[in-house]
Amino acid sequence: MELWLSAILIVLVALLIDRFIGELPNRYHLLRWIGNLVGFLDGKVKDRASKWTKAKGFLSYLLVFFIFWFIMMLICSLIRNGLDEYWWEIAGITVTLGEIIWIAVVAFMFKITYAIFSFRHHCIPIQNDLRNKDIQSARKKVQMIVSRDTSGLDEKHITSSCCETISENLVDSVISPTFFFGLFGITGAVMFRCANLMDAMWGYLNEKYGNLGFFVAKFDDVLGYVTSRISPAFVALAAWMFGYEHRGVIEAAMEEHTKTPSPNSGWPMTAVARALGISMEKAGVYVMGKGDMPSINDVTRCYKLVERTSMLFVLLITVPLFVFAGIYVQVFIENLIFDLLGMII
């Protein structure tokens, strides 16, 4: 099978898995395994003030990345190169058993590095609690998707929290991992996902993590620099195509993105706020947007806009990048690993 066709099928299968199967149970999810390893390494660092702590943070990232990258790439390599003796001809195209299984496996691995439709599953129960006036239950559920104290949030700040995390994760959960997958295949997606998760766990400017998390915090900012800044263009495009307010989306992002502590997260958040005509508020930190605080129904509008923006990005950017670049990087690394194994064995 031609590589360009395999590349398209991999992305399409990954999208179908995301839409109709969704996320793995937490105990089996890649992010859980990465988080467990990061937590283990965290416990091994005793002297947080040492001049070597930054180096330990850097080496920890390399170790985490290498372990998960190598396991995933080894599996892909063995499947594609080890099952090529069985083949069929379908519509004039020669297809091997290894290729069929390989496409499904790479698609699955790609899918677990990003999430387009997961936030609706988190937010719908919160919306139902708010409609049923069960604000205590809504506060507990929203705590699962934000890092702030939710114990005293009222309805408007709960719905704002939902919209904030959905819009912020347009970049962190979709555009960035799919962009780097398009460029470098599984290598790129895992590279970003490890940095992003380690930043979430270690990227704090305090005595415990200021040095240990220095590298991953900076690296995550670097990896998200371009993707965050192009995200408003895709929000504007989706808003125009699907009936949201598209005028002024990019201008609002350029004007208000500095309101968030993160140098990258403000870009998609302010763009989405403008497209929805709402404001978002994290008490004592920022207020962005010009409209009212989001209603319960605005949360639905938010995740639908982000889902549609995500699909546009994957189809318009990820697919072409993967067809012309990422698939070749993927296959080159797989062949290199397989050849090295052949030399050793």
C-alpha atoms as a PDB file:
ATOM      1  CA  MET A   1       0.000   0.000   0.000  1.00  0.00           C
ATOM      2  CA  GLU A   2       1.251   3.479  -0.828  1.00  0.00           C
ATOM      3  CA  LEU A   3       2.441   5.418   2.229  1.00  0.00           C
ATOM      4  CA  TRP A   4       0.221   8.418   1.453  1.00  0.00           C
ATOM      5  CA  LEU A   5      -2.852   6.176   1.584  1.00  0.00           C
ATOM      6  CA  SER A   6      -1.690   4.559   4.817  1.00  0.00           C
ATOM      7  CA  ALA A   7      -1.162   8.033   6.301  1.00  0.00           C
ATOM      8  CA  ILE A   8      -4.709   9.143   5.475  1.00  0.00           C
ATOM      9  CA  LEU A   9      -6.194   5.904   6.820  1.00  0.00           C
ATOM     10  CA  ILE A  10      -4.243   6.214  10.085  1.00  0.00           C
ATOM     11  CA  VAL A  11      -5.612   9.690  10.792  1.00  0.00           C
ATOM     12  CA  LEU A  12      -9.175   8.777   9.768  1.00  0.00           C
ATOM     13  CA  VAL A  13      -9.179   5.620  11.914  1.00  0.00           C
ATOM     14  CA  ALA A  14      -7.845   7.648  14.858  1.00  0.00           C
ATOM     15  CA  LEU A  15     -10.678  10.154  14.445  1.00  0.00           C
ATOM     16  CA  LEU A  16     -13.257   7.355  14.346  1.00  0.00           C
ATOM     17  CA  ILE A  17     -11.802   5.827  17.523  1.00  0.00           C
ATOM     18  CA  ASP A  18     -11.940   9.215  19.241  1.00  0.00           C
ATOM     19  CA  ARG A  19     -15.536   9.885  18.204  1.00  0.00           C
ATOM     20  CA  PHE A  20     -17.162   6.492  18.681  1.00  0.00           C
ATOM     21  CA  ILE A  21     -15.003   4.675  21.250  1.00  0.00           C
ATOM     22  CA  GLY A  22     -13.458   7.526  23.214  1.00  0.00           C
ATOM     23  CA  GLU A  23     -10.913   7.338  25.999  1.00  0.00           C
ATOM     24  CA  LEU A  24      -9.407   4.252  27.565  1.00  0.00           C
ATOM     25  CA  PRO A  25     -10.217   3.655  31.235  1.00  0.00           C
ATOM     26  CA  ASN A  26      -7.902   5.791  33.334  1.00  0.00           C
ATOM     27  CA  ARG A  27      -5.917   2.845  34.709  1.00  0.00           C
ATOM     28  CA  TYR A  28      -4.915   1.793  31.172  1.00  0.00           C
ATOM     29  CA  HIS A  29      -4.397   5.222  29.643  1.00  0.00           C
ATOM     30  CA  LEU A  30      -0.987   6.352  28.385  1.00  0.00           C
ATOM     31  CA  LEU A  31      -1.203   9.563  30.414  1.00  0.00           C
ATOM     32  CA  ARG A  32      -1.767   7.568  33.598  1.00  0.00           C
ATOM     33  CA  TRP A  33       1.325   5.462  32.904  1.00  0.00           C
ATOM     34  CA  ILE A  34       3.403   8.530  32.135  1.00  0.00           C
ATOM     35  CA  GLY A  35       2.090  10.211  35.270  1.00  0.00           C
ATOM     36  CA  ASN A  36       2.951   7.179  37.400  1.00  0.00           C
ATOM     37  CA  LEU A  37       6.531   7.193  36.132  1.00  0.00           C
ATOM     38  CA  VAL A  38       6.856  10.945  36.646  1.00  0.00           C
ATOM     39  CA  GLY A  39       5.526  10.562  40.180  1.00  0.00           C
ATOM     40  CA  PHE A  40       8.062   7.805  40.858  1.00  0.00           C
ATOM     41  CA  LEU A  41      10.931   9.982  39.609  1.00  0.00           C
ATOM     42  CA  ASP A  42       9.622  12.900  41.661  1.00  0.00           C
ATOM     43  CA  GLY A  43       9.903  10.832  44.811  1.00  0.00           C
ATOM     44  CA  LYS A  44      13.532   9.990  44.051  1.00  0.00           C
ATOM     45  CA  VAL A  45      14.675  13.638  44.033  1.00  0.00           C
ATOM     46  CA  LYS A  46      15.555  14.613  47.587  1.00  0.00           C
ATOM     47  CA  ASP A  47      17.674  17.759  47.313  1.00  0.00           C
ATOM     48  CA  ARG A  48      15.502  20.278  45.471  1.00  0.00           C
ATOM     49  CA  ALA A  49      17.939  23.183  45.935  1.00  0.00           C
ATOM     50  CA  SER A  50      20.931  21.459  44.382  1.00  0.00           C
ATOM     51  CA  LYS A  51      22.498  23.046  41.313  1.00  0.00           C
ATOM     52  CA  TRP A  52      22.019  19.686  39.593  1.00  0.00           C
ATOM     53  CA  THR A  53      18.230  19.675  40.081  1.00  0.00           C
ATOM     54  CA  LYS A  54      17.566  21.372  36.731  1.00  0.00           C
ATOM     55  CA  ALA A  55      19.725  18.754  35.056  1.00  0.00           C
ATOM     56  CA  LYS A  56      17.766  16.030  36.846  1.00  0.00           C
ATOM     57  CA  GLY A  57      14.552  17.537  35.499  1.00  0.00           C
ATOM     58  CA  PHE A  58      15.976  17.496  31.963  1.00  0.00           C
ATOM     59  CA  LEU A  59      17.230  13.918  32.283  1.00  0.00           C
ATOM     60  CA  SER A  60      13.894  12.866  33.771  1.00  0.00           C
ATOM     61  CA  TYR A  61      12.100  14.169  30.691  1.00  0.00           C
ATOM     62  CA  LEU A  62      14.501  12.314  28.399  1.00  0.00           C
ATOM     63  CA  LEU A  63      13.996   9.087  30.357  1.00  0.00           C
ATOM     64  CA  VAL A  64      10.196   9.357  30.369  1.00  0.00           C
ATOM     65  CA  PHE A  65      10.085  10.230  26.676  1.00  0.00           C
ATOM     66  CA  PHE A  66      12.528   7.495  25.657  1.00  0.00           C
ATOM     67  CA  ILE A  67      10.758   4.707  27.556  1.00  0.00           C
ATOM     68  CA  PHE A  68       7.311   5.349  26.124  1.00  0.00           C
ATOM     69  CA  TRP A  69       8.585   6.345  22.678  1.00  0.00           C
ATOM     70  CA  PHE A  70      10.735   3.230  22.340  1.00  0.00           C
ATOM     71  CA  ILE A  71       8.014   0.839  23.469  1.00  0.00           C
ATOM     72  CA  MET A  72       5.485   2.319  21.054  1.00  0.00           C
ATOM     73  CA  MET A  73       7.885   2.507  18.126  1.00  0.00           C
ATOM     74  CA  LEU A  74       9.168  -1.023  18.777  1.00  0.00           C
ATOM     75  CA  ILE A  75       5.621  -2.381  18.641  1.00  0.00           C
ATOM     76  CA  CYS A  76       4.934  -0.499  15.393  1.00  0.00           C
ATOM     77  CA  SER A  77       8.210  -1.701  13.883  1.00  0.00           C
ATOM     78  CA  LEU A  78       7.653  -5.360  14.701  1.00  0.00           C
ATOM     79  CA  ILE A  79       4.098  -5.331  13.362  1.00  0.00           C
ATOM     80  CA  ARG A  80       4.836  -3.631  10.044  1.00  0.00           C
ATOM     81  CA  ASN A  81       8.096  -5.429   9.303  1.00  0.00           C
ATOM     82  CA  GLY A  82       7.374  -8.761  10.935  1.00  0.00           C
ATOM     83  CA  LEU A  83       4.000  -9.581   9.361  1.00  0.00           C
ATOM     84  CA  ASP A  84       4.688  -8.750   5.728  1.00  0.00           C
ATOM     85  CA  GLU A  85       4.670 -12.302   4.335  1.00  0.00           C
ATOM     86  CA  TYR A  86       0.861 -12.463   4.266  1.00  0.00           C
ATOM     87  CA  TRP A  87      -0.696 -10.273   1.605  1.00  0.00           C
ATOM     88  CA  TRP A  88      -3.799  -9.705  -0.495  1.00  0.00           C
ATOM     89  CA  GLU A  89      -4.645  -7.654  -3.537  1.00  0.00           C
ATOM     90  CA  ILE A  90      -7.651  -5.415  -2.975  1.00  0.00           C
ATOM     91  CA  ALA A  91      -8.909  -3.204  -5.824  1.00  0.00           C
ATOM     92  CA  GLY A  92      -5.521  -3.420  -7.451  1.00  0.00           C
ATOM     93  CA  ILE A  93      -3.686  -2.461  -4.259  1.00  0.00           C
ATOM     94  CA  THR A  94      -1.362  -4.961  -2.581  1.00  0.00           C
ATOM     95  CA  VAL A  95      -1.970  -5.008   1.157  1.00  0.00           C
ATOM     96  CA  THR A  96      -0.060  -7.045   3.735  1.00  0.00           C
ATOM     97  CA  LEU A  97      -1.398  -8.295   7.044  1.00  0.00           C
ATOM     98  CA  GLY A  98       1.288  -6.272   8.766  1.00  0.00           C
ATOM     99  CA  GLU A  99       0.103  -3.074   7.063  1.00  0.00           C
ATOM    100  CA  ILE A 100      -3.510  -3.603   8.116  1.00  0.00           C
ATOM    101  CA  ILE A 101      -2.654  -4.240  11.757  1.00  0.00           C
ATOM    102  CA  TRP A 102       0.008  -1.501  11.681  1.00  0.00           C
ATOM    103  CA  ILE A 103      -2.489   1.112  10.467  1.00  0.00           C
ATOM    104  CA  ALA A 104      -4.883   0.199  13.289  1.00  0.00           C
ATOM    105  CA  VAL A 105      -2.133   0.192  15.946  1.00  0.00           C
ATOM    106  CA  VAL A 106      -0.551   3.495  14.863  1.00  0.00           C
ATOM    107  CA  ALA A 107      -4.028   5.053  14.712  1.00  0.00           C
ATOM    108  CA  PHE A 108      -4.745   3.845  18.252  1.00  0.00           C
ATOM    109  CA  MET A 109      -1.405   5.120  19.532  1.00  0.00           C
ATOM    110  CA  PHE A 110      -2.012   8.464  17.840  1.00  0.00           C
ATOM    111  CA  LYS A 111      -5.478   8.712  19.345  1.00  0.00           C
ATOM    112  CA  ILE A 112      -4.294   8.232  22.930  1.00  0.00           C
ATOM    113  CA  THR A 113      -2.038  11.286  22.570  1.00  0.00           C
ATOM    114  CA  TYR A 114      -4.923  13.667  21.821  1.00  0.00           C
ATOM    115  CA  ALA A 115      -8.611  14.095  22.668  1.00  0.00           C
ATOM    116  CA  ILE A 116     -11.256  15.963  20.711  1.00  0.00           C
ATOM    117  CA  PHE A 117     -14.524  14.684  22.145  1.00  0.00           C
ATOM    118  CA  SER A 118     -13.614  13.886  25.751  1.00  0.00           C
ATOM    119  CA  PHE A 119     -14.600  17.223  27.285  1.00  0.00           C
ATOM    120  CA  ARG A 120     -18.255  16.887  26.369  1.00  0.00           C
ATOM    121  CA  HIS A 121     -18.290  13.715  28.481  1.00  0.00           C
ATOM    122  CA  HIS A 122     -16.852  15.643  31.443  1.00  0.00           C
ATOM    123  CA  CYS A 123     -19.101  18.668  31.028  1.00  0.00           C
ATOM    124  CA  ILE A 124     -22.510  17.103  30.336  1.00  0.00           C
ATOM    125  CA  PRO A 125     -22.789  15.647  33.896  1.00  0.00           C
ATOM    126  CA  ILE A 126     -21.832  19.067  35.296  1.00  0.00           C
ATOM    127  CA  GLN A 127     -24.511  20.744  33.172  1.00  0.00           C
ATOM    128  CA  ASN A 128     -27.075  18.182  34.342  1.00  0.00           C
ATOM    129  CA  ASP A 129     -26.184  18.876  37.983  1.00  0.00           C
ATOM    130  CA  LEU A 130     -26.618  22.611  37.445  1.00  0.00           C
ATOM    131  CA  ARG A 131     -29.986  22.117  35.742  1.00  0.00           C
ATOM    132  CA  ASN A 132     -31.023  19.988  38.728  1.00  0.00           C
ATOM    133  CA  LYS A 133     -29.785  22.733  41.124  1.00  0.00           C
ATOM    134  CA  ASP A 134     -27.252  20.326  42.638  1.00  0.00           C
ATOM    135  CA  ILE A 135     -24.393  22.812  42.823  1.00  0.00           C
ATOM    136  CA  GLN A 136     -22.391  20.768  45.341  1.00  0.00           C
ATOM    137  CA  SER A 137     -22.193  17.842  42.937  1.00  0.00           C
ATOM    138  CA  ALA A 138     -21.324  20.197  40.071  1.00  0.00           C
ATOM    139  CA  ARG A 139     -18.469  21.668  42.117  1.00  0.00           C
ATOM    140  CA  LYS A 140     -17.042  18.196  42.790  1.00  0.00           C
ATOM    141  CA  LYS A 141     -17.216  17.228  39.133  1.00  0.00           C
ATOM    142  CA  VAL A 142     -15.650  20.447  37.857  1.00  0.00           C
ATOM    143  CA  GLN A 143     -12.742  19.883  40.259  1.00  0.00           C
ATOM    144  CA  MET A 144     -11.793  16.933  38.035  1.00  0.00           C
ATOM    145  CA  ILE A 145     -11.079  19.198  35.043  1.00  0.00           C
ATOM    146  CA  VAL A 146      -9.563  22.343  36.630  1.00  0.00           C
ATOM    147  CA  SER A 147      -6.723  22.955  39.074  1.00  0.00           C
ATOM    148  CA  ARG A 148      -8.407  25.694  41.134  1.00  0.00           C
ATOM    149  CA  ASP A 149     -10.371  25.399  44.389  1.00  0.00           C
ATOM    150  CA  THR A 150     -13.982  24.829  43.322  1.00  0.00           C
ATOM    151  CA  SER A 151     -15.585  24.583  46.761  1.00  0.00           C
ATOM    152  CA  GLY A 152     -17.089  28.084  46.690  1.00  0.00           C
ATOM    153  CA  LEU A 153     -17.883  28.495  42.992  1.00  0.00           C
ATOM    154  CA  ASP A 154     -21.328  29.703  41.982  1.00  0.00           C
ATOM    155  CA  GLU A 155     -23.106  28.545  38.821  1.00  0.00           C
ATOM    156  CA  LYS A 156     -21.567  31.199  36.547  1.00  0.00           C
ATOM    157  CA  HIS A 157     -18.047  30.439  37.680  1.00  0.00           C
ATOM    158  CA  ILE A 158     -18.643  26.704  37.270  1.00  0.00           C
ATOM    159  CA  THR A 159     -19.803  27.179  33.682  1.00  0.00           C
ATOM    160  CA  SER A 160     -16.895  29.559  33.127  1.00  0.00           C
ATOM    161  CA  SER A 161     -14.481  26.925  34.449  1.00  0.00           C
ATOM    162  CA  CYS A 162     -15.886  24.442  31.933  1.00  0.00           C
ATOM    163  CA  CYS A 163     -15.500  26.875  29.036  1.00  0.00           C
ATOM    164  CA  GLU A 164     -12.005  27.879  30.128  1.00  0.00           C
ATOM    165  CA  THR A 165     -10.660  24.332  30.306  1.00  0.00           C
ATOM    166  CA  ILE A 166     -12.361  23.293  27.056  1.00  0.00           C
ATOM    167  CA  SER A 167     -10.942  26.251  25.142  1.00  0.00           C
ATOM    168  CA  GLU A 168      -7.464  26.005  26.695  1.00  0.00           C
ATOM    169  CA  ASN A 169      -7.283  22.334  25.782  1.00  0.00           C
ATOM    170  CA  LEU A 170      -7.983  23.097  22.146  1.00  0.00           C
ATOM    171  CA  VAL A 171      -4.213  23.640  21.931  1.00  0.00           C
ATOM    172  CA  ASP A 172      -2.908  21.303  24.639  1.00  0.00           C
ATOM    173  CA  SER A 173      -5.127  18.319  23.836  1.00  0.00           C
ATOM    174  CA  VAL A 174      -5.614  18.650  20.081  1.00  0.00           C
ATOM    175  CA  ILE A 175      -3.699  21.170  17.991  1.00  0.00           C
ATOM    176  CA  SER A 176      -0.245  20.654  19.519  1.00  0.00           C
ATOM    177  CA  PRO A 177      -0.164  16.827  19.662  1.00  0.00           C
ATOM    178  CA  THR A 178      -1.733  16.447  16.220  1.00  0.00           C
ATOM    179  CA  PHE A 179       0.603  19.075  14.748  1.00  0.00           C
ATOM    180  CA  PHE A 180       3.716  17.291  16.001  1.00  0.00           C
ATOM    181  CA  PHE A 181       2.273  13.949  14.955  1.00  0.00           C
ATOM    182  CA  GLY A 182       1.845  15.397  11.474  1.00  0.00           C
ATOM    183  CA  LEU A 183       5.504  16.418  11.434  1.00  0.00           C
ATOM    184  CA  PHE A 184       7.164  13.456  13.137  1.00  0.00           C
ATOM    185  CA  GLY A 185       4.588  10.695  13.587  1.00  0.00           C
ATOM    186  CA  ILE A 186       4.291   8.972  16.963  1.00  0.00           C
ATOM    187  CA  THR A 187       7.667  10.461  17.939  1.00  0.00           C
ATOM    188  CA  GLY A 188       6.288  14.002  17.734  1.00  0.00           C
ATOM    189  CA  ALA A 189       3.039  13.224  19.530  1.00  0.00           C
ATOM    190  CA  VAL A 190       4.808  11.477  22.423  1.00  0.00           C
ATOM    191  CA  MET A 191       7.440  14.237  22.595  1.00  0.00           C
ATOM    192  CA  PHE A 192       4.716  16.829  23.136  1.00  0.00           C
ATOM    193  CA  ARG A 193       2.516  14.718  25.392  1.00  0.00           C
ATOM    194  CA  CYS A 194       5.369  13.918  27.811  1.00  0.00           C
ATOM    195  CA  ALA A 195       6.417  17.573  28.009  1.00  0.00           C
ATOM    196  CA  ASN A 196       2.855  18.796  28.490  1.00  0.00           C
ATOM    197  CA  LEU A 197       1.997  16.290  31.219  1.00  0.00           C
ATOM    198  CA  MET A 198       5.284  16.789  33.056  1.00  0.00           C
ATOM    199  CA  ASP A 199       4.719  20.547  32.927  1.00  0.00           C
ATOM    200  CA  ALA A 200       1.279  20.019  34.482  1.00  0.00           C
ATOM    201  CA  MET A 201       2.873  17.989  37.284  1.00  0.00           C
ATOM    202  CA  TRP A 202       6.172  19.846  37.780  1.00  0.00           C
ATOM    203  CA  GLY A 203       5.730  23.275  36.194  1.00  0.00           C
ATOM    204  CA  TYR A 204       5.284  25.302  39.383  1.00  0.00           C
ATOM    205  CA  LEU A 205       7.401  28.256  40.487  1.00  0.00           C
ATOM    206  CA  ASN A 206       7.877  27.085  44.060  1.00  0.00           C
ATOM    207  CA  GLU A 207      10.628  25.581  46.172  1.00  0.00           C
ATOM    208  CA  LYS A 208       9.669  22.011  45.318  1.00  0.00           C
ATOM    209  CA  TYR A 209       9.424  22.297  41.541  1.00  0.00           C
ATOM    210  CA  GLY A 210      11.073  25.577  40.553  1.00  0.00           C
ATOM    211  CA  ASN A 211      14.282  23.800  39.539  1.00  0.00           C
ATOM    212  CA  LEU A 212      13.044  20.280  38.860  1.00  0.00           C
ATOM    213  CA  GLY A 213      10.316  21.474  36.516  1.00  0.00           C
ATOM    214  CA  PHE A 214      12.355  24.237  34.871  1.00  0.00           C
ATOM    215  CA  PHE A 215      13.131  22.359  31.658  1.00  0.00           C
ATOM    216  CA  VAL A 216       9.690  20.832  31.057  1.00  0.00           C
ATOM    217  CA  ALA A 217       7.964  24.166  31.737  1.00  0.00           C
ATOM    218  CA  LYS A 218      10.149  25.963  29.199  1.00  0.00           C
ATOM    219  CA  PHE A 219      10.020  23.119  26.680  1.00  0.00           C
ATOM    220  CA  ASP A 220       6.214  22.954  26.882  1.00  0.00           C
ATOM    221  CA  ASP A 221       6.051  26.708  26.256  1.00  0.00           C
ATOM    222  CA  VAL A 222       8.346  26.337  23.233  1.00  0.00           C
ATOM    223  CA  LEU A 223       6.363  23.436  21.774  1.00  0.00           C
ATOM    224  CA  GLY A 224       3.086  25.329  22.208  1.00  0.00           C
ATOM    225  CA  TYR A 225       4.374  28.671  20.915  1.00  0.00           C
ATOM    226  CA  VAL A 226       3.359  28.301  17.269  1.00  0.00           C
ATOM    227  CA  THR A 227       0.319  26.084  17.764  1.00  0.00           C
ATOM    228  CA  SER A 228      -1.265  28.410  20.323  1.00  0.00           C
ATOM    229  CA  ARG A 229      -0.792  31.423  18.068  1.00  0.00           C
ATOM    230  CA  ILE A 230      -2.341  29.833  15.004  1.00  0.00           C
ATOM    231  CA  SER A 231      -5.311  28.473  16.968  1.00  0.00           C
ATOM    232  CA  PRO A 232      -7.401  31.699  16.751  1.00  0.00           C
ATOM    233  CA  ALA A 233      -7.359  31.457  12.932  1.00  0.00           C
ATOM    234  CA  PHE A 234      -8.967  28.024  13.106  1.00  0.00           C
ATOM    235  CA  VAL A 235     -11.440  29.170  15.759  1.00  0.00           C
ATOM    236  CA  ALA A 236     -12.422  32.024  13.443  1.00  0.00           C
ATOM    237  CA  LEU A 237     -12.777  29.629  10.492  1.00  0.00           C
ATOM    238  CA  ALA A 238     -14.951  27.204  12.463  1.00  0.00           C
ATOM    239  CA  ALA A 239     -17.007  30.112  13.833  1.00  0.00           C
ATOM    240  CA  TRP A 240     -17.608  31.384  10.301  1.00  0.00           C
ATOM    241  CA  MET A 241     -18.541  27.935   8.976  1.00  0.00           C
ATOM    242  CA  PHE A 242     -20.865  26.930  11.813  1.00  0.00           C
ATOM    243  CA  GLY A 243     -22.694  30.138  12.672  1.00  0.00           C
ATOM    244  CA  TYR A 244     -20.738  31.567  15.602  1.00  0.00           C
ATOM    245  CA  GLU A 245     -19.398  35.122  15.756  1.00  0.00           C
ATOM    246  CA  HIS A 246     -16.269  35.083  13.607  1.00  0.00           C
ATOM    247  CA  ARG A 247     -15.578  38.799  13.330  1.00  0.00           C
ATOM    248  CA  GLY A 248     -12.894  40.055  15.691  1.00  0.00           C
ATOM    249  CA  VAL A 249     -11.804  36.602  16.895  1.00  0.00           C
ATOM    250  CA  ILE A 250      -8.167  36.997  15.908  1.00  0.00           C
ATOM    251  CA  GLU A 251      -8.079  40.619  17.066  1.00  0.00           C
ATOM    252  CA  ALA A 252      -9.501  39.648  20.471  1.00  0.00           C
ATOM    253  CA  ALA A 253      -6.851  36.942  20.870  1.00  0.00           C
ATOM    254  CA  MET A 254      -4.063  39.373  20.018  1.00  0.00           C
ATOM    255  CA  GLU A 255      -5.436  41.941  22.455  1.00  0.00           C
ATOM    256  CA  GLU A 256      -6.269  39.753  25.468  1.00  0.00           C
ATOM    257  CA  HIS A 257      -3.996  36.710  25.352  1.00  0.00           C
ATOM    258  CA  THR A 258      -1.602  38.200  27.927  1.00  0.00           C
ATOM    259  CA  LYS A 259      -4.268  38.038  30.652  1.00  0.00           C
ATOM    260  CA  THR A 260      -3.418  34.432  31.525  1.00  0.00           C
ATOM    261  CA  PRO A 261      -0.273  33.503  33.472  1.00  0.00           C
ATOM    262  CA  SER A 262       0.681  31.038  30.737  1.00  0.00           C
ATOM    263  CA  PRO A 263       2.206  32.606  27.611  1.00  0.00           C
ATOM    264  CA  ASN A 264       0.243  30.218  25.381  1.00  0.00           C
ATOM    265  CA  SER A 265      -3.127  29.373  26.931  1.00  0.00           C
ATOM    266  CA  GLY A 266      -4.631  32.842  26.492  1.00  0.00           C
ATOM    267  CA  TRP A 267      -4.683  32.598  22.684  1.00  0.00           C
ATOM    268  CA  PRO A 268      -7.338  29.884  22.269  1.00  0.00           C
ATOM    269  CA  MET A 269      -9.266  30.983  25.365  1.00  0.00           C
ATOM    270  CA  THR A 270      -9.737  34.579  24.257  1.00  0.00           C
ATOM    271  CA  ALA A 271     -10.537  33.467  20.705  1.00  0.00           C
ATOM    272  CA  VAL A 272     -13.254  31.099  21.890  1.00  0.00           C
ATOM    273  CA  ALA A 273     -14.671  33.687  24.301  1.00  0.00           C
ATOM    274  CA  ARG A 274     -15.027  36.139  21.418  1.00  0.00           C
ATOM    275  CA  ALA A 275     -16.630  33.575  19.106  1.00  0.00           C
ATOM    276  CA  LEU A 276     -19.169  32.657  21.808  1.00  0.00           C
ATOM    277  CA  GLY A 277     -19.783  36.277  22.840  1.00  0.00           C
ATOM    278  CA  ILE A 278     -19.097  35.506  26.493  1.00  0.00           C
ATOM    279  CA  SER A 279     -16.607  36.411  29.196  1.00  0.00           C
ATOM    280  CA  MET A 280     -14.604  33.946  31.289  1.00  0.00           C
ATOM    281  CA  GLU A 281     -13.369  34.670  34.790  1.00  0.00           C
ATOM    282  CA  LYS A 282     -10.924  32.998  37.124  1.00  0.00           C
ATOM    283  CA  ALA A 283     -11.433  35.017  40.286  1.00  0.00           C
ATOM    284  CA  GLY A 284      -8.409  37.092  41.188  1.00  0.00           C
ATOM    285  CA  VAL A 285      -6.463  36.031  38.089  1.00  0.00           C
ATOM    286  CA  TYR A 286      -8.179  37.184  34.880  1.00  0.00           C
ATOM    287  CA  VAL A 287     -11.366  38.236  33.144  1.00  0.00           C
ATOM    288  CA  MET A 288     -11.423  37.808  29.376  1.00  0.00           C
ATOM    289  CA  GLY A 289     -14.100  38.492  26.809  1.00  0.00           C
ATOM    290  CA  LYS A 290     -16.720  41.225  26.540  1.00  0.00           C
ATOM    291  CA  GLY A 291     -20.038  39.417  27.065  1.00  0.00           C
ATOM    292  CA  ASP A 292     -21.895  37.889  29.987  1.00  0.00           C
ATOM    293  CA  MET A 293     -20.557  34.945  31.949  1.00  0.00           C
ATOM    294  CA  PRO A 294     -21.460  31.668  30.209  1.00  0.00           C
ATOM    295  CA  SER A 295     -24.812  30.011  30.723  1.00  0.00           C
ATOM    296  CA  ILE A 296     -25.313  26.256  31.006  1.00  0.00           C
ATOM    297  CA  ASN A 297     -26.157  26.131  27.294  1.00  0.00           C
ATOM    298  CA  ASP A 298     -23.019  28.116  26.450  1.00  0.00           C
ATOM    299  CA  VAL A 299     -20.955  25.185  27.699  1.00  0.00           C
ATOM    300  CA  THR A 300     -22.534  23.059  24.959  1.00  0.00           C
ATOM    301  CA  ARG A 301     -21.824  25.752  22.381  1.00  0.00           C
ATOM    302  CA  CYS A 302     -18.236  25.883  23.627  1.00  0.00           C
ATOM    303  CA  TYR A 303     -17.387  22.207  23.309  1.00  0.00           C
ATOM    304  CA  LYS A 304     -19.123  21.983  19.934  1.00  0.00           C
ATOM    305  CA  LEU A 305     -17.102  24.948  18.640  1.00  0.00           C
ATOM    306  CA  VAL A 306     -13.851  23.448  19.945  1.00  0.00           C
ATOM    307  CA  GLU A 307     -14.684  20.029  18.480  1.00  0.00           C
ATOM    308  CA  ARG A 308     -15.395  21.554  15.066  1.00  0.00           C
ATOM    309  CA  THR A 309     -12.264  23.690  15.243  1.00  0.00           C
ATOM    310  CA  SER A 310     -10.266  20.570  16.109  1.00  0.00           C
ATOM    311  CA  MET A 311     -11.665  18.590  13.193  1.00  0.00           C
ATOM    312  CA  LEU A 312     -10.852  21.402  10.780  1.00  0.00           C
ATOM    313  CA  PHE A 313      -7.282  21.576  12.040  1.00  0.00           C
ATOM    314  CA  VAL A 314      -6.741  17.824  11.779  1.00  0.00           C
ATOM    315  CA  LEU A 315      -8.184  17.629   8.262  1.00  0.00           C
ATOM    316  CA  LEU A 316      -6.534  20.788   6.922  1.00  0.00           C
ATOM    317  CA  ILE A 317      -3.155  20.636   8.684  1.00  0.00           C
ATOM    318  CA  THR A 318      -2.462  17.260  10.327  1.00  0.00           C
ATOM    319  CA  VAL A 319      -3.429  15.108   7.335  1.00  0.00           C
ATOM    320  CA  PRO A 320      -1.251  16.981   4.786  1.00  0.00           C
ATOM    321  CA  LEU A 321       1.676  17.193   7.215  1.00  0.00           C
ATOM    322  CA  PHE A 322       1.491  13.479   7.966  1.00  0.00           C
ATOM    323  CA  VAL A 323       1.119  12.541   4.292  1.00  0.00           C
ATOM    324  CA  PHE A 324       4.161  14.572   3.221  1.00  0.00           C
ATOM    325  CA  ALA A 325       6.365  14.401   6.338  1.00  0.00           C
ATOM    326  CA  GLY A 326       5.296  12.454   9.420  1.00  0.00           C
ATOM    327  CA  ILE A 327       4.621   9.108   7.767  1.00  0.00           C
ATOM    328  CA  TYR A 328       8.159   9.060   6.337  1.00  0.00           C
ATOM    329  CA  VAL A 329       9.696   9.886   9.727  1.00  0.00           C
ATOM    330  CA  GLN A 330       7.545   7.156  11.280  1.00  0.00           C
ATOM    331  CA  VAL A 331       8.602   4.508   8.782  1.00  0.00           C
ATOM    332  CA  PHE A 332      12.273   5.557   8.813  1.00  0.00           C
ATOM    333  CA  ILE A 333      12.502   5.172  12.604  1.00  0.00           C
ATOM    334  CA  GLU A 334      10.609   1.859  12.525  1.00  0.00           C
ATOM    335  CA  ASN A 335      12.986   0.490   9.881  1.00  0.00           C
ATOM    336  CA  LEU A 336      15.997   1.713  11.841  1.00  0.00           C
ATOM    337  CA  ILE A 337      14.786  -0.029  14.999  1.00  0.00           C
ATOM    338  CA  PHE A 338      14.029  -3.233  13.086  1.00  0.00           C
ATOM    339  CA  ASP A 339      17.472  -3.211  11.446  1.00  0.00           C
ATOM    340  CA  LEU A 340      19.167  -2.646  14.808  1.00  0.00           C
ATOM    341  CA  LEU A 341      17.225  -5.535  16.301  1.00  0.00           C
ATOM    342  CA  GLY A 342      18.329  -7.703  13.385  1.00  0.00           C
ATOM    343  CA  MET A 343      21.965  -6.843  14.063  1.00  0.00           C
ATOM    344  CA  ILE A 344      21.615  -7.639  17.764  1.00  0.00           C
ATOM    345  CA  ILE A 345      19.574 -10.821  17.413  1.00  0.00           C
END
